[in-house]
């Protein structure tokens, strides 16, 4: 038997009147794990975070942290800190005072040493005397992170922490956040609607849909073997080819009869019977032009620097998308075939 989970959520449920915001979620986290909750606005991910933090009482279910049932504890008595998208820094206080705000009651020398350590950790040691409104967005984000870490929480909750940053700064800050988390080995749950951010940061991703946790796993697993068309589409561009499921073949492969010819793909997460209506999911970067495959015509080619995205048209007018290097870019109007390796495609319920 392995070690007990650091965080254990059991049947956690939240209703607001007749609206079921969080629907009987079960989830465990290991100590030091970086976990991302991914989903669109309104799917329940921020409500789940607030339930863990204690800002919302659950309608049912339990939350245990480090073996202790904390379901009934108020937020200030939980070994949990939550950082909001707004950062909520005190504008009239210095950076150092903001970071040390949660250390009131500790000996002055101890608190000052802790603040100095945290400012070094987030590379703001020269900014302790500044006010938050004199800092950039990325610097304010790091101040808020340092403040959230000041009390050494057993669990750190981040609600869209990078959403206010522009793309370049967001990517830089993602790397810094992951580096800090690895150094401290703090257990972290981040809420995001950005699949690239989730895949960059997370050890595991939990995909939420309408209050339910519909699939949990490492980023590569969810990207390559999504359980549904919802998960497949949420994690990036995907081609969905309808067909009828054939008999099992070797090594988990299955034949699928499509309107444009047979293809082979891997069994999906959801077991399906022979003859079922299915979708074959294949990412654009795994679609190979030329050779064997489905008959297509290139309708558009868009140059994107290191790759060319092609729009393809099947004989019935439905479309596919392919993405590869500029050297492999047949011109619009070219008739060719689009194929893929069975290992690069997965069968989903229709």
Protein backbone atom coordinates (compact mmCIF):
# COMPACT_ATOMS: atom_id res chain seq x y z
CA UNK A 1 0.00 0.00 0.00
CA UNK A 2 1.36 3.44 -0.96
CA UNK A 3 1.46 6.56 1.20
CA UNK A 4 -1.82 8.17 2.24
CA UNK A 5 -2.91 11.05 -0.02
CA UNK A 6 -2.02 14.55 1.14
CA UNK A 7 -5.46 15.82 0.08
CA UNK A 8 -8.52 13.58 -0.11
CA UNK A 9 -11.85 14.95 -1.36
CA UNK A 10 -14.82 12.60 -1.10
CA UNK A 11 -18.26 13.12 -2.72
CA UNK A 12 -17.84 16.90 -2.42
CA UNK A 13 -21.04 18.62 -3.55
CA UNK A 14 -22.27 22.20 -3.66
CA UNK A 15 -25.78 23.40 -4.53
CA UNK A 16 -26.88 27.01 -4.91
CA UNK A 17 -30.66 26.63 -4.73
CA UNK A 18 -31.56 24.28 -7.60
CA UNK A 19 -28.21 24.78 -9.35
CA UNK A 20 -25.71 21.95 -8.84
CA UNK A 21 -22.34 23.74 -9.06
CA UNK A 22 -20.13 20.88 -7.85
CA UNK A 23 -21.38 17.34 -8.33
CA UNK A 24 -20.06 14.63 -5.95
CA UNK A 25 -16.36 15.06 -6.74
CA UNK A 26 -13.78 12.53 -5.56
CA UNK A 27 -10.12 13.52 -5.85
CA UNK A 28 -6.81 12.74 -4.15
CA UNK A 29 -3.51 14.63 -4.37
CA UNK A 30 -0.03 13.52 -3.37
CA UNK A 31 2.22 15.68 -1.24
CA UNK A 32 4.16 18.10 -3.44
CA UNK A 33 1.89 17.57 -6.46
CA UNK A 34 1.03 20.38 -8.88
CA UNK A 35 -2.57 19.84 -9.99
CA UNK A 36 -4.56 21.94 -12.49
CA UNK A 37 -8.34 22.18 -12.68
CA UNK A 38 -9.18 22.93 -16.32
CA UNK A 39 -12.49 23.94 -17.83
CA UNK A 40 -14.53 26.82 -19.27
CA UNK A 41 -16.20 29.53 -17.21
CA UNK A 42 -19.11 28.23 -15.17
CA UNK A 43 -17.98 24.59 -14.98
CA UNK A 44 -17.52 24.71 -11.19
CA UNK A 45 -13.73 24.80 -10.88
CA UNK A 46 -13.52 28.03 -8.84
CA UNK A 47 -16.38 26.86 -6.60
CA UNK A 48 -14.46 23.63 -5.94
CA UNK A 49 -11.41 25.69 -4.95
CA UNK A 50 -13.51 27.79 -2.55
CA UNK A 51 -14.92 24.62 -0.97
CA UNK A 52 -11.38 23.34 -0.32
CA UNK A 53 -10.35 26.72 1.10
CA UNK A 54 -13.43 26.90 3.35
CA UNK A 55 -14.95 30.03 1.79
CA UNK A 56 -18.04 28.00 0.84
CA UNK A 57 -19.66 25.30 3.01
CA UNK A 58 -20.31 22.07 1.10
CA UNK A 59 -23.81 20.70 0.65
CA UNK A 60 -22.33 17.22 1.10
CA UNK A 61 -18.98 15.44 1.18
CA UNK A 62 -15.67 15.81 3.04
CA UNK A 63 -12.24 17.39 2.65
CA UNK A 64 -9.25 15.83 4.41
CA UNK A 65 -5.76 17.33 4.43
CA UNK A 66 -2.73 15.50 5.81
CA UNK A 67 -5.12 12.98 7.38
CA UNK A 68 -7.25 15.62 9.19
CA UNK A 69 -10.90 16.23 8.37
CA UNK A 70 -11.04 19.98 7.72
CA UNK A 71 -14.56 20.07 6.23
CA UNK A 72 -16.03 22.06 9.12
CA UNK A 73 -13.06 24.35 9.80
CA UNK A 74 -13.24 28.06 8.92
CA UNK A 75 -10.69 29.32 6.36
CA UNK A 76 -8.31 30.88 8.91
CA UNK A 77 -7.95 27.55 10.75
CA UNK A 78 -7.13 25.51 7.64
CA UNK A 79 -3.47 24.97 6.64
CA UNK A 80 -4.50 26.27 3.22
CA UNK A 81 -3.83 29.57 1.46
CA UNK A 82 -5.69 30.87 -1.57
CA UNK A 83 -4.36 33.41 -4.07
CA UNK A 84 -6.93 35.22 -6.21
CA UNK A 85 -6.62 36.54 -9.76
CA UNK A 86 -6.84 40.14 -8.48
CA UNK A 87 -3.86 39.45 -6.13
CA UNK A 88 -5.65 41.61 -3.44
CA UNK A 89 -2.47 43.43 -2.38
CA UNK A 90 -2.76 46.29 0.10
CA UNK A 91 -1.92 49.44 -1.93
CA UNK A 92 -0.91 51.53 1.11
CA UNK A 93 1.61 48.96 2.37
CA UNK A 94 5.09 48.17 1.10
CA UNK A 95 5.91 44.98 -0.74
CA UNK A 96 7.64 43.61 2.36
CA UNK A 97 4.66 44.48 4.58
CA UNK A 98 2.30 42.79 2.11
CA UNK A 99 4.39 39.61 2.13
CA UNK A 100 4.64 39.60 5.92
CA UNK A 101 0.98 40.40 6.57
CA UNK A 102 0.14 36.81 7.49
CA UNK A 103 3.08 36.58 9.91
CA UNK A 104 1.63 38.93 12.54
CA UNK A 105 2.18 37.49 16.00
CA UNK A 106 5.54 35.94 15.16
CA UNK A 107 8.75 37.40 16.64
CA UNK A 108 9.86 40.41 14.59
CA UNK A 109 13.27 39.00 13.64
CA UNK A 110 11.74 35.69 12.57
CA UNK A 111 9.08 37.40 10.45
CA UNK A 112 11.63 39.72 8.81
CA UNK A 113 13.90 36.77 7.98
CA UNK A 114 10.97 34.87 6.46
CA UNK A 115 9.98 37.88 4.33
CA UNK A 116 13.56 38.32 3.13
CA UNK A 117 13.75 34.63 2.18
CA UNK A 118 10.51 34.83 0.23
CA UNK A 119 11.50 38.00 -1.61
CA UNK A 120 14.74 36.28 -2.66
CA UNK A 121 12.73 33.25 -3.77
CA UNK A 122 10.54 35.33 -6.10
CA UNK A 123 13.51 37.52 -7.19
CA UNK A 124 12.16 40.73 -5.64
CA UNK A 125 14.70 41.24 -2.85
CA UNK A 126 15.40 44.81 -4.01
CA UNK A 127 11.70 45.77 -4.07
CA UNK A 128 10.75 45.32 -0.40
CA UNK A 129 10.31 49.05 0.21
CA UNK A 130 8.26 49.73 -2.92
CA UNK A 131 4.46 50.04 -3.11
CA UNK A 132 2.50 47.52 -5.24
CA UNK A 133 1.27 50.20 -7.67
CA UNK A 134 4.88 50.89 -8.74
CA UNK A 135 5.39 47.28 -9.89
CA UNK A 136 4.61 45.52 -13.16
CA UNK A 137 1.82 42.95 -13.39
CA UNK A 138 4.29 40.07 -13.24
CA UNK A 139 6.02 41.55 -10.18
CA UNK A 140 2.69 42.02 -8.37
CA UNK A 141 1.85 38.41 -9.15
CA UNK A 142 5.11 37.33 -7.51
CA UNK A 143 4.43 39.49 -4.44
CA UNK A 144 1.02 37.83 -4.06
CA UNK A 145 2.62 34.41 -4.43
CA UNK A 146 5.23 35.21 -1.77
CA UNK A 147 2.49 36.39 0.61
CA UNK A 148 0.51 33.19 -0.01
CA UNK A 149 3.60 31.12 0.83
CA UNK A 150 4.54 33.10 3.94
CA UNK A 151 2.70 30.88 6.41
CA UNK A 152 4.03 27.70 4.75
CA UNK A 153 0.59 26.32 3.86
CA UNK A 154 0.06 22.61 3.48
CA UNK A 155 -1.87 23.39 0.30
CA UNK A 156 -1.74 26.43 -1.98
CA UNK A 157 -4.80 27.27 -4.12
CA UNK A 158 -4.41 29.59 -7.12
CA UNK A 159 -7.51 30.88 -8.93
CA UNK A 160 -6.57 31.99 -12.48
CA UNK A 161 -3.33 33.49 -11.08
CA UNK A 162 -1.88 34.50 -14.46
CA UNK A 163 -5.09 35.53 -16.23
CA UNK A 164 -4.37 39.27 -16.00
CA UNK A 165 -0.92 39.03 -17.64
CA UNK A 166 -0.20 39.42 -21.35
CA UNK A 167 0.93 36.34 -23.28
CA UNK A 168 4.69 36.84 -23.13
CA UNK A 169 4.73 37.70 -19.43
CA UNK A 170 2.31 34.86 -18.67
CA UNK A 171 4.62 32.29 -20.26
CA UNK A 172 7.63 33.66 -18.36
CA UNK A 173 5.72 33.65 -15.07
CA UNK A 174 4.46 30.09 -15.65
CA UNK A 175 8.07 28.91 -15.68
CA UNK A 176 8.87 30.85 -12.51
CA UNK A 177 5.82 29.48 -10.72
CA UNK A 178 6.74 25.89 -11.58
CA UNK A 179 10.37 26.43 -10.50
CA UNK A 180 9.29 27.86 -7.13
CA UNK A 181 6.81 25.04 -6.55
CA UNK A 182 9.42 22.37 -7.30
CA UNK A 183 11.91 24.02 -4.96
CA UNK A 184 9.45 24.23 -2.06
CA UNK A 185 7.55 20.96 -2.82
CA UNK A 186 4.31 22.71 -1.82
CA UNK A 187 1.12 20.97 -2.93
CA UNK A 188 -0.66 23.28 -5.38
CA UNK A 189 -4.04 23.36 -7.12
CA UNK A 190 -4.39 25.90 -9.94
CA UNK A 191 -7.65 26.81 -11.66
CA UNK A 192 -7.28 27.78 -15.32
CA UNK A 193 -9.25 27.85 -18.55
CA UNK A 194 -6.03 27.82 -20.62
CA UNK A 195 -5.07 24.29 -21.79
CA UNK A 196 -1.50 25.31 -22.67
CA UNK A 197 -1.03 26.72 -19.18
CA UNK A 198 -2.42 23.55 -17.60
CA UNK A 199 -0.16 21.30 -19.69
CA UNK A 200 2.92 23.39 -18.91
CA UNK A 201 2.35 23.58 -15.14
CA UNK A 202 0.64 20.38 -14.06
CA UNK A 203 1.77 16.98 -12.91
CA UNK A 204 -1.88 16.03 -13.45
CA UNK A 205 -4.88 17.81 -14.94
CA UNK A 206 -8.50 17.42 -13.85
CA UNK A 207 -10.98 18.39 -16.58
CA UNK A 208 -14.30 19.74 -15.30
CA UNK A 209 -17.62 19.87 -17.13
CA UNK A 210 -20.88 21.06 -15.57
CA UNK A 211 -19.70 20.54 -12.01
CA UNK A 212 -18.20 17.11 -12.60
CA UNK A 213 -14.62 15.94 -12.83
CA UNK A 214 -14.81 14.05 -16.14
CA UNK A 215 -11.17 12.97 -16.60
CA UNK A 216 -7.99 13.14 -14.54
CA UNK A 217 -4.48 12.29 -15.66
CA UNK A 218 -1.03 13.53 -16.70
CA UNK A 219 -1.09 16.16 -19.48
CA UNK A 220 0.32 13.85 -22.18
CA UNK A 221 -2.22 11.15 -21.35
CA UNK A 222 -5.20 13.51 -21.58
CA UNK A 223 -3.90 15.05 -24.80
CA UNK A 224 -3.27 11.70 -26.51
CA UNK A 225 -6.08 9.63 -24.98
CA UNK A 226 -9.02 11.90 -24.13
CA UNK A 227 -12.13 10.15 -22.83
CA UNK A 228 -14.62 12.25 -24.80
CA UNK A 229 -14.91 14.80 -27.59
CA UNK A 230 -15.30 17.47 -24.88
CA UNK A 231 -11.91 16.67 -23.35
CA UNK A 232 -10.31 16.26 -26.78
CA UNK A 233 -11.49 19.69 -27.92
CA UNK A 234 -10.65 21.41 -24.64
CA UNK A 235 -6.99 20.36 -24.84
CA UNK A 236 -6.36 21.53 -28.40
CA UNK A 237 -7.32 21.31 -32.05
CA UNK A 238 -8.57 17.86 -33.03
CA UNK A 239 -10.05 16.11 -36.06
CA UNK A 240 -13.13 13.99 -35.34
CA UNK A 241 -13.91 11.43 -38.02
CA UNK A 242 -17.27 9.62 -37.65
CA UNK A 243 -17.50 5.90 -38.30
CA UNK A 244 -18.68 2.49 -37.11
CA UNK A 245 -16.56 0.37 -34.81
CA UNK A 246 -15.18 -2.88 -36.17
CA UNK A 247 -13.74 -5.94 -34.38
CA UNK A 248 -10.71 -5.76 -32.07
CA UNK A 249 -7.28 -6.22 -33.65
CA UNK A 250 -3.84 -6.72 -32.17
CA UNK A 251 -2.28 -4.44 -29.53
CA UNK A 252 -5.48 -2.53 -28.70
CA UNK A 253 -6.11 -1.39 -32.27
CA UNK A 254 -9.61 -1.36 -33.73
CA UNK A 255 -10.85 -1.06 -37.30
CA UNK A 256 -13.32 1.74 -37.95
CA UNK A 257 -15.42 1.95 -41.11
CA UNK A 258 -15.86 5.57 -42.22
CA UNK A 259 -17.80 7.01 -45.16
CA UNK A 260 -14.52 7.52 -47.01
CA UNK A 261 -12.74 4.26 -46.27
CA UNK A 262 -11.46 2.13 -43.38
CA UNK A 263 -9.05 3.46 -40.74
CA UNK A 264 -7.43 2.00 -37.65
CA UNK A 265 -7.20 3.62 -34.22
CA UNK A 266 -6.59 2.72 -30.59
CA UNK A 267 -9.32 1.70 -28.15
CA UNK A 268 -10.39 4.64 -26.02
CA UNK A 269 -10.89 5.08 -22.28
CA UNK A 270 -14.62 4.26 -22.58
CA UNK A 271 -15.32 0.60 -23.56
CA UNK A 272 -17.43 0.37 -26.74
CA UNK A 273 -19.07 -2.57 -28.49
CA UNK A 274 -18.47 -3.63 -32.07
CA UNK A 275 -20.92 -1.86 -34.38
CA UNK A 276 -21.15 1.25 -32.17
CA UNK A 277 -21.18 4.71 -33.75
CA UNK A 278 -17.85 6.31 -32.86
CA UNK A 279 -15.54 9.21 -33.56
CA UNK A 280 -11.87 8.75 -34.43
CA UNK A 281 -9.90 11.60 -32.82
CA UNK A 282 -6.58 12.56 -34.40
CA UNK A 283 -4.57 15.72 -33.77
CA UNK A 284 -3.63 17.87 -36.81
CA UNK A 285 0.09 17.31 -36.22
CA UNK A 286 -0.45 13.54 -36.55
CA UNK A 287 -2.24 13.74 -39.90
CA UNK A 288 0.10 12.69 -42.73
CA UNK A 289 -0.50 13.85 -46.32
CA UNK A 290 0.36 11.54 -49.23
CA UNK A 291 0.54 7.78 -49.26
CA UNK A 292 -2.42 5.81 -47.90
CA UNK A 293 -5.46 7.27 -46.17
CA UNK A 294 -8.68 9.13 -46.80
CA UNK A 295 -9.12 11.08 -50.07
CA UNK A 296 -8.86 14.84 -49.48
CA UNK A 297 -8.32 18.09 -51.35
CA UNK A 298 -6.21 20.88 -49.85
CA UNK A 299 -8.51 23.90 -49.64
CA UNK A 300 -6.26 26.32 -47.75
CA UNK A 301 -2.66 26.56 -46.51
CA UNK A 302 -1.71 29.12 -43.83
CA UNK A 303 1.95 29.82 -43.06
CA UNK A 304 2.58 30.01 -39.29
CA UNK A 305 6.38 30.23 -39.17
CA UNK A 306 7.62 26.83 -38.07
CA UNK A 307 4.61 25.04 -39.53
CA UNK A 308 1.88 25.28 -42.14
CA UNK A 309 -1.75 24.66 -41.18
CA UNK A 310 -3.78 23.14 -44.00
CA UNK A 311 -7.52 22.92 -44.29
CA UNK A 312 -8.55 19.71 -46.10
CA UNK A 313 -11.86 18.80 -47.70
CA UNK A 314 -13.26 15.25 -47.79
CA UNK A 315 -15.50 14.17 -50.70
CA UNK A 316 -18.69 14.81 -48.70
CA UNK A 317 -17.60 18.39 -47.96
CA UNK A 318 -16.59 17.83 -44.33
CA UNK A 319 -13.22 19.14 -43.25
CA UNK A 320 -9.97 18.05 -41.63
CA UNK A 321 -6.96 20.04 -40.45
CA UNK A 322 -3.29 19.10 -40.81
CA UNK A 323 -0.20 20.79 -39.40
CA UNK A 324 3.39 20.10 -40.46
CA UNK A 325 6.62 21.79 -41.57
CA UNK A 326 6.57 24.36 -44.40
CA UNK A 327 8.60 21.96 -46.58
CA UNK A 328 5.61 19.60 -46.68
CA UNK A 329 3.00 22.05 -47.89
CA UNK A 330 1.03 21.01 -50.98
CA UNK A 331 -0.68 23.98 -52.59
CA UNK A 332 -4.44 24.63 -52.31
CA UNK A 333 -6.34 22.61 -54.89
CA UNK A 334 -4.02 19.60 -54.59
CA UNK A 335 -5.79 16.22 -54.40
CA UNK A 336 -4.03 13.84 -52.03
CA UNK A 337 -4.70 11.44 -49.17
CA UNK A 338 -4.64 12.01 -45.42
CA UNK A 339 -3.60 9.15 -43.17
CA UNK A 340 -2.31 8.56 -39.66
CA UNK A 341 -0.74 5.85 -37.55
CA UNK A 342 -3.21 3.88 -35.46
CA UNK A 343 -1.15 4.71 -32.36
CA UNK A 344 -1.78 8.44 -32.98
CA UNK A 345 -5.59 8.17 -33.06
CA UNK A 346 -8.10 7.25 -30.36
CA UNK A 347 -11.71 6.04 -30.56
CA UNK A 348 -14.32 8.14 -28.72
CA UNK A 349 -18.04 7.64 -28.13
CA UNK A 350 -20.07 9.47 -30.78
